[in-house]
Amino acid sequence: MELRHLRYFVAVVEEQSITKAADKLCIAQPPLSRQIQKLEEELGITLFERGSRPVKTTEAGMFFYEHAVQILTHAAQATSMAQRINAVDKTVRIGYVGSLLYALLPQIIYLFRQRHPDTHVELIECGTRDQIEALKTGKIDIGFGRLRLSDPAIKRLLLRKERLKLAVHKNHHLAEFIDTGVYLSQIVKESIFSYPIAPKPNFSTLIQSIFTELGLVPKELIEVREIHLALGLVSSGEGISIIPESASEIGMKNLIYIPILDLEAYSPISLSVRNMDQSSYIPDILECIKEVLAEEGKQVQLNDD
């Protein structure tokens, strides 16, 4: 049994179609069917129910699928780590979500570069959801994200809980609360722009979950492409938006930012690495994070997320 046979099998399970799996793998359908048949003969079990459309996995096949995914994940991790150890030049690929450029990330990266000039840093914009797969396949080595996601192959450290703020037009009726703050229960009847339009979970999902946690149902939650579009619409008097506190540094006319008083109204900022990664750059960047957080007067948490 070869790893490619496992990849073929996993693709068929996930696509629920031999044809779609063959397209995804860029191979012809007949050879793929023969490889699946050979795999079943080698294992001595039936992996798929015959004649089912879409393709259905047997109970034994589903058990084998779960372990095949683990084997492929471990193989990708081992390959990535071996390549890194063998590399002559030191390169750290850091994935990040765009909104963190308004928070502490630029200071952290700058300090790391100053402390470790021999290490090349490559920044890759990557959503929190996509960072998990990117870490597993070695496309990135460290991820900075915002969502509460978990995966047994990934270790997450909570850096801090960033408060959320409400962006409104300066003439909006909620502007009177700029000094006192508002509770989310006060804005459920407003038109609220959330972002981004991207595969879920994303920041929009986080906002929705906070409302749900508080037992609230917004009357109108409108998803737009990204934060600048949301704030542009608010600046035009179209509605309101909920953003991370650091994003209030975005310079846009007619906007004011109101504190949100609910304790649940925060966005977790986390660092993610591969669970078995013992590379030296990890403690190095953690030291930079601690120093930057301390300088900003932020509580240094660094707890498992």
Protein backbone atom coordinates (compact mmCIF):
# COMPACT_ATOMS: atom_id res chain seq x y z
CA MET A 1 0.00 0.00 0.00
CA GLU A 2 1.35 3.41 -1.00
CA LEU A 3 0.44 6.89 0.20
CA ARG A 4 -0.99 7.71 -3.23
CA HIS A 5 -3.52 4.89 -2.77
CA LEU A 6 -4.65 6.52 0.45
CA ARG A 7 -4.92 9.88 -1.31
CA TYR A 8 -7.04 8.30 -4.04
CA PHE A 9 -9.33 6.69 -1.48
CA VAL A 10 -9.71 9.88 0.61
CA ALA A 11 -10.54 11.90 -2.52
CA VAL A 12 -13.33 9.49 -3.51
CA VAL A 13 -14.81 9.58 -0.01
CA GLU A 14 -14.74 13.36 0.18
CA GLU A 15 -16.03 13.97 -3.36
CA GLN A 16 -18.59 11.11 -3.12
CA SER A 17 -17.89 10.48 -6.79
CA ILE A 18 -15.24 8.60 -8.78
CA THR A 19 -15.58 11.14 -11.60
CA LYS A 20 -15.16 14.20 -9.38
CA ALA A 21 -12.29 12.57 -7.49
CA ALA A 22 -10.51 11.77 -10.75
CA ASP A 23 -10.86 15.42 -11.84
CA LYS A 24 -9.52 16.61 -8.49
CA LEU A 25 -6.56 14.24 -8.70
CA CYS A 26 -5.96 15.01 -12.40
CA ILE A 27 -6.05 11.35 -13.40
CA ALA A 28 -8.38 9.36 -15.62
CA GLN A 29 -11.41 7.65 -14.12
CA PRO A 30 -10.65 4.01 -15.11
CA PRO A 31 -7.18 3.91 -13.47
CA LEU A 32 -8.66 5.46 -10.31
CA SER A 33 -11.38 2.80 -10.19
CA ARG A 34 -8.75 0.06 -10.62
CA GLN A 35 -6.60 1.52 -7.81
CA ILE A 36 -9.59 1.58 -5.44
CA GLN A 37 -10.41 -2.02 -6.37
CA LYS A 38 -6.79 -3.08 -5.75
CA LEU A 39 -6.87 -1.33 -2.37
CA GLU A 40 -10.03 -3.22 -1.40
CA GLU A 41 -8.42 -6.50 -2.47
CA GLU A 42 -5.27 -5.74 -0.48
CA LEU A 43 -7.27 -4.86 2.64
CA GLY A 44 -9.76 -7.68 2.17
CA ILE A 45 -12.73 -5.37 2.84
CA THR A 46 -15.36 -3.51 0.85
CA LEU A 47 -14.79 0.23 1.15
CA PHE A 48 -17.77 1.49 -0.85
CA GLU A 49 -21.36 0.35 -1.27
CA ARG A 50 -21.79 -0.97 -4.79
CA GLY A 51 -24.10 0.92 -7.16
CA SER A 52 -24.78 3.83 -4.81
CA ARG A 53 -25.08 7.33 -6.24
CA PRO A 54 -23.56 9.41 -4.79
CA VAL A 55 -20.81 7.02 -3.71
CA LYS A 56 -21.42 5.87 -0.14
CA THR A 57 -18.72 4.58 2.20
CA THR A 58 -19.27 1.35 4.15
CA GLU A 59 -18.88 1.31 7.93
CA ALA A 60 -15.46 -0.34 7.55
CA GLY A 61 -14.59 2.15 4.82
CA MET A 62 -15.41 5.11 7.06
CA PHE A 63 -13.22 3.70 9.83
CA PHE A 64 -10.37 3.28 7.34
CA TYR A 65 -10.99 6.81 5.99
CA GLU A 66 -10.53 8.40 9.43
CA HIS A 67 -7.18 6.64 9.87
CA ALA A 68 -6.10 7.33 6.27
CA VAL A 69 -6.58 11.06 6.86
CA GLN A 70 -4.42 10.84 9.99
CA ILE A 71 -1.68 8.95 8.13
CA LEU A 72 -1.64 11.50 5.29
CA THR A 73 -1.57 14.38 7.78
CA HIS A 74 1.35 12.88 9.71
CA ALA A 75 3.20 12.15 6.47
CA ALA A 76 2.76 15.77 5.31
CA GLN A 77 3.94 17.07 8.69
CA ALA A 78 6.98 14.77 8.70
CA THR A 79 7.89 15.81 5.15
CA SER A 80 7.52 19.49 5.96
CA MET A 81 9.61 19.25 9.13
CA ALA A 82 12.34 17.20 7.43
CA GLN A 83 12.55 19.76 4.62
CA ARG A 84 12.83 22.58 7.12
CA ILE A 85 15.60 20.84 9.07
CA ASN A 86 17.48 20.15 5.84
CA ALA A 87 17.08 23.72 4.52
CA VAL A 88 20.28 25.72 4.22
CA ASP A 89 18.56 29.09 4.61
CA LYS A 90 16.19 29.79 7.48
CA THR A 91 12.76 30.88 6.35
CA VAL A 92 9.74 31.24 8.62
CA ARG A 93 6.43 31.48 6.81
CA ILE A 94 3.85 33.32 8.88
CA GLY A 95 0.16 33.21 8.04
CA TYR A 96 -2.04 36.03 9.28
CA VAL A 97 -5.54 37.44 8.98
CA GLY A 98 -5.63 40.94 7.51
CA SER A 99 -7.28 42.65 10.50
CA LEU A 100 -4.26 41.79 12.68
CA LEU A 101 -2.19 44.32 10.74
CA TYR A 102 -4.07 46.93 12.79
CA ALA A 103 -3.18 45.21 16.06
CA LEU A 104 0.18 44.01 17.42
CA LEU A 105 1.37 41.85 14.53
CA PRO A 106 3.54 44.47 12.73
CA GLN A 107 5.44 45.25 15.96
CA ILE A 108 5.95 41.54 16.66
CA ILE A 109 7.29 40.82 13.17
CA TYR A 110 9.52 43.89 13.18
CA LEU A 111 11.05 42.97 16.55
CA PHE A 112 11.57 39.35 15.44
CA ARG A 113 13.39 40.53 12.32
CA GLN A 114 15.62 42.82 14.38
CA ARG A 115 16.49 40.05 16.82
CA HIS A 116 17.01 37.35 14.16
CA PRO A 117 18.37 39.02 11.00
CA ASP A 118 19.57 35.67 9.61
CA THR A 119 16.02 34.35 9.49
CA HIS A 120 13.96 35.30 6.46
CA VAL A 121 10.32 36.04 7.31
CA GLU A 122 7.67 35.47 4.64
CA LEU A 123 4.21 36.88 5.42
CA ILE A 124 1.22 35.12 3.86
CA GLU A 125 -2.33 36.44 4.25
CA CYS A 126 -4.42 33.46 5.23
CA GLY A 127 -7.79 33.14 7.00
CA THR A 128 -7.85 31.41 10.38
CA ARG A 129 -9.80 28.49 8.93
CA ASP A 130 -7.30 27.98 6.11
CA GLN A 131 -4.32 28.26 8.46
CA ILE A 132 -4.98 24.80 9.88
CA GLU A 133 -4.53 23.06 6.53
CA ALA A 134 -1.66 25.39 5.61
CA LEU A 135 0.19 24.40 8.80
CA LYS A 136 -0.38 20.70 8.15
CA THR A 137 0.95 20.89 4.60
CA GLY A 138 3.89 23.14 5.47
CA LYS A 139 2.70 26.17 3.49
CA ILE A 140 3.06 28.20 6.69
CA ASP A 141 4.96 27.56 9.93
CA ILE A 142 3.09 29.89 12.27
CA GLY A 143 -0.45 31.26 12.09
CA PHE A 144 -1.92 34.37 13.68
CA GLY A 145 -5.71 34.25 13.69
CA ARG A 146 -8.89 35.24 15.47
CA LEU A 147 -11.31 32.29 15.55
CA ARG A 148 -11.83 29.58 18.16
CA LEU A 149 -10.93 26.56 16.02
CA SER A 150 -9.44 23.26 17.20
CA ASP A 151 -7.57 20.42 15.52
CA PRO A 152 -5.57 17.62 17.19
CA ALA A 153 -2.59 18.30 14.90
CA ILE A 154 -2.44 22.01 15.80
CA LYS A 155 -1.46 23.73 19.04
CA ARG A 156 -3.06 27.12 19.69
CA LEU A 157 -1.98 29.74 22.20
CA LEU A 158 -4.31 32.54 23.22
CA LEU A 159 -2.34 35.80 23.08
CA ARG A 160 -5.07 38.17 24.18
CA LYS A 161 -8.77 38.92 24.02
CA GLU A 162 -9.30 42.03 21.93
CA ARG A 163 -12.40 44.04 22.75
CA LEU A 164 -14.91 44.80 20.01
CA LYS A 165 -16.24 48.26 19.17
CA LEU A 166 -19.26 49.57 17.35
CA ALA A 167 -18.61 51.75 14.29
CA VAL A 168 -21.37 54.29 13.60
CA HIS A 169 -21.77 57.53 11.64
CA LYS A 170 -21.08 60.59 13.80
CA ASN A 171 -24.71 61.69 13.32
CA HIS A 172 -26.23 58.27 14.08
CA HIS A 173 -28.62 58.19 17.03
CA LEU A 174 -26.29 55.74 18.84
CA ALA A 175 -23.50 58.35 18.78
CA GLU A 176 -24.75 59.66 22.13
CA PHE A 177 -23.29 56.53 23.76
CA ILE A 178 -19.69 57.21 22.69
CA ASP A 179 -18.63 57.92 26.28
CA THR A 180 -20.82 55.40 28.12
CA GLY A 181 -20.78 52.47 25.67
CA VAL A 182 -23.61 50.20 24.48
CA TYR A 183 -24.81 46.65 25.01
CA LEU A 184 -25.48 44.45 22.00
CA SER A 185 -29.12 44.21 23.08
CA GLN A 186 -29.43 47.91 22.19
CA ILE A 187 -28.47 47.38 18.53
CA VAL A 188 -30.41 44.26 17.46
CA LYS A 189 -32.90 46.32 15.47
CA GLU A 190 -30.16 48.09 13.48
CA SER A 191 -28.76 47.16 10.07
CA ILE A 192 -25.40 45.61 10.97
CA PHE A 193 -22.68 45.08 8.37
CA SER A 194 -20.47 42.06 9.09
CA TYR A 195 -17.55 40.67 7.12
CA PRO A 196 -15.97 38.93 5.27
CA ILE A 197 -17.78 37.00 2.58
CA ALA A 198 -15.50 33.96 2.78
CA PRO A 199 -15.76 30.25 3.64
CA LYS A 200 -17.06 29.87 7.18
CA PRO A 201 -16.18 29.95 10.00
CA ASN A 202 -14.93 33.54 9.74
CA PHE A 203 -15.17 36.85 11.65
CA SER A 204 -18.81 37.19 10.64
CA THR A 205 -19.47 33.80 12.22
CA LEU A 206 -17.81 35.01 15.44
CA ILE A 207 -20.13 38.04 15.61
CA GLN A 208 -23.18 35.86 15.02
CA SER A 209 -22.06 33.43 17.74
CA ILE A 210 -21.70 36.27 20.28
CA PHE A 211 -25.27 37.38 19.62
CA THR A 212 -26.44 33.76 19.94
CA GLU A 213 -24.49 33.30 23.20
CA LEU A 214 -26.36 36.31 24.61
CA GLY A 215 -29.72 34.99 23.38
CA LEU A 216 -30.05 37.82 20.85
CA VAL A 217 -31.23 37.74 17.23
CA PRO A 218 -30.16 40.71 15.06
CA LYS A 219 -32.93 41.92 12.78
CA GLU A 220 -30.58 42.49 9.85
CA LEU A 221 -27.02 41.13 9.69
CA ILE A 222 -25.60 41.92 6.25
CA GLU A 223 -22.39 40.24 5.08
CA VAL A 224 -20.02 42.28 2.90
CA ARG A 225 -16.68 41.47 1.29
CA GLU A 226 -14.26 43.02 3.80
CA ILE A 227 -13.85 45.51 6.65
CA HIS A 228 -13.13 48.58 4.51
CA LEU A 229 -16.35 48.07 2.57
CA ALA A 230 -18.30 47.66 5.83
CA LEU A 231 -16.86 50.89 7.25
CA GLY A 232 -17.38 52.72 3.96
CA LEU A 233 -21.07 51.84 4.05
CA VAL A 234 -21.30 52.97 7.69
CA SER A 235 -19.56 56.21 6.76
CA SER A 236 -22.27 56.70 4.13
CA GLY A 237 -24.97 56.38 6.79
CA GLU A 238 -26.16 52.96 5.64
CA GLY A 239 -25.92 51.14 8.97
CA ILE A 240 -23.46 50.13 11.71
CA SER A 241 -20.65 47.58 12.03
CA ILE A 242 -18.84 45.65 14.77
CA ILE A 243 -15.04 45.65 14.49
CA PRO A 244 -11.97 44.73 16.57
CA GLU A 245 -10.82 47.65 18.73
CA SER A 246 -7.51 47.94 16.85
CA ALA A 247 -9.35 48.46 13.55
CA SER A 248 -10.71 51.76 14.86
CA GLU A 249 -7.32 53.15 13.76
CA ILE A 250 -8.58 52.98 10.17
CA GLY A 251 -8.90 56.58 9.06
CA MET A 252 -12.34 57.10 7.54
CA LYS A 253 -14.42 60.30 7.63
CA ASN A 254 -17.60 60.66 9.67
CA LEU A 255 -17.00 57.54 11.79
CA ILE A 256 -16.94 57.25 15.56
CA TYR A 257 -16.30 54.10 17.60
CA ILE A 258 -18.36 53.16 20.63
CA PRO A 259 -17.25 50.64 23.31
CA ILE A 260 -19.36 47.46 23.54
CA LEU A 261 -20.01 46.64 27.19
CA ASP A 262 -20.94 42.95 26.99
CA LEU A 263 -18.14 40.79 28.47
CA GLU A 264 -18.63 38.31 25.62
CA ALA A 265 -17.86 40.98 23.00
CA TYR A 266 -14.25 40.18 22.23
CA SER A 267 -12.16 38.61 19.49
CA PRO A 268 -9.52 36.09 20.57
CA ILE A 269 -6.09 36.61 19.01
CA SER A 270 -4.25 33.29 18.83
CA LEU A 271 -0.98 31.86 17.60
CA SER A 272 -1.05 28.42 15.96
CA VAL A 273 1.80 25.97 15.33
CA ARG A 274 2.10 22.30 14.47
CA ASN A 275 1.65 20.19 17.59
CA MET A 276 4.98 18.38 17.30
CA ASP A 277 7.01 21.31 15.97
CA GLN A 278 10.09 21.88 18.18
CA SER A 279 11.70 24.50 15.93
CA SER A 280 13.72 27.22 17.66
CA TYR A 281 11.83 30.03 15.93
CA ILE A 282 8.73 29.26 18.03
CA PRO A 283 10.17 30.25 21.46
CA ASP A 284 11.97 33.11 19.71
CA ILE A 285 8.76 34.61 18.38
CA LEU A 286 6.98 33.96 21.68
CA GLU A 287 9.60 36.10 23.41
CA CYS A 288 8.92 38.89 20.92
CA ILE A 289 5.18 38.56 21.53
CA LYS A 290 5.63 38.83 25.30
CA GLU A 291 7.82 41.91 24.94
CA VAL A 292 5.45 43.70 22.55
CA LEU A 293 2.41 42.91 24.70
CA ALA A 294 4.21 44.18 27.80
CA GLU A 295 5.21 47.40 26.05
CA GLU A 296 1.61 47.94 24.97
CA GLY A 297 0.46 47.42 28.55
CA LYS A 298 -1.49 44.33 27.54
CA GLN A 299 -1.84 41.30 29.77
CA VAL A 300 0.53 38.53 28.72
CA GLN A 301 -1.63 35.37 28.64
CA LEU A 302 -0.07 32.80 26.30
CA ASN A 303 -2.56 30.13 27.40
CA ASP A 304 -3.73 27.15 25.37
CA ASP A 305 -6.71 28.31 23.34
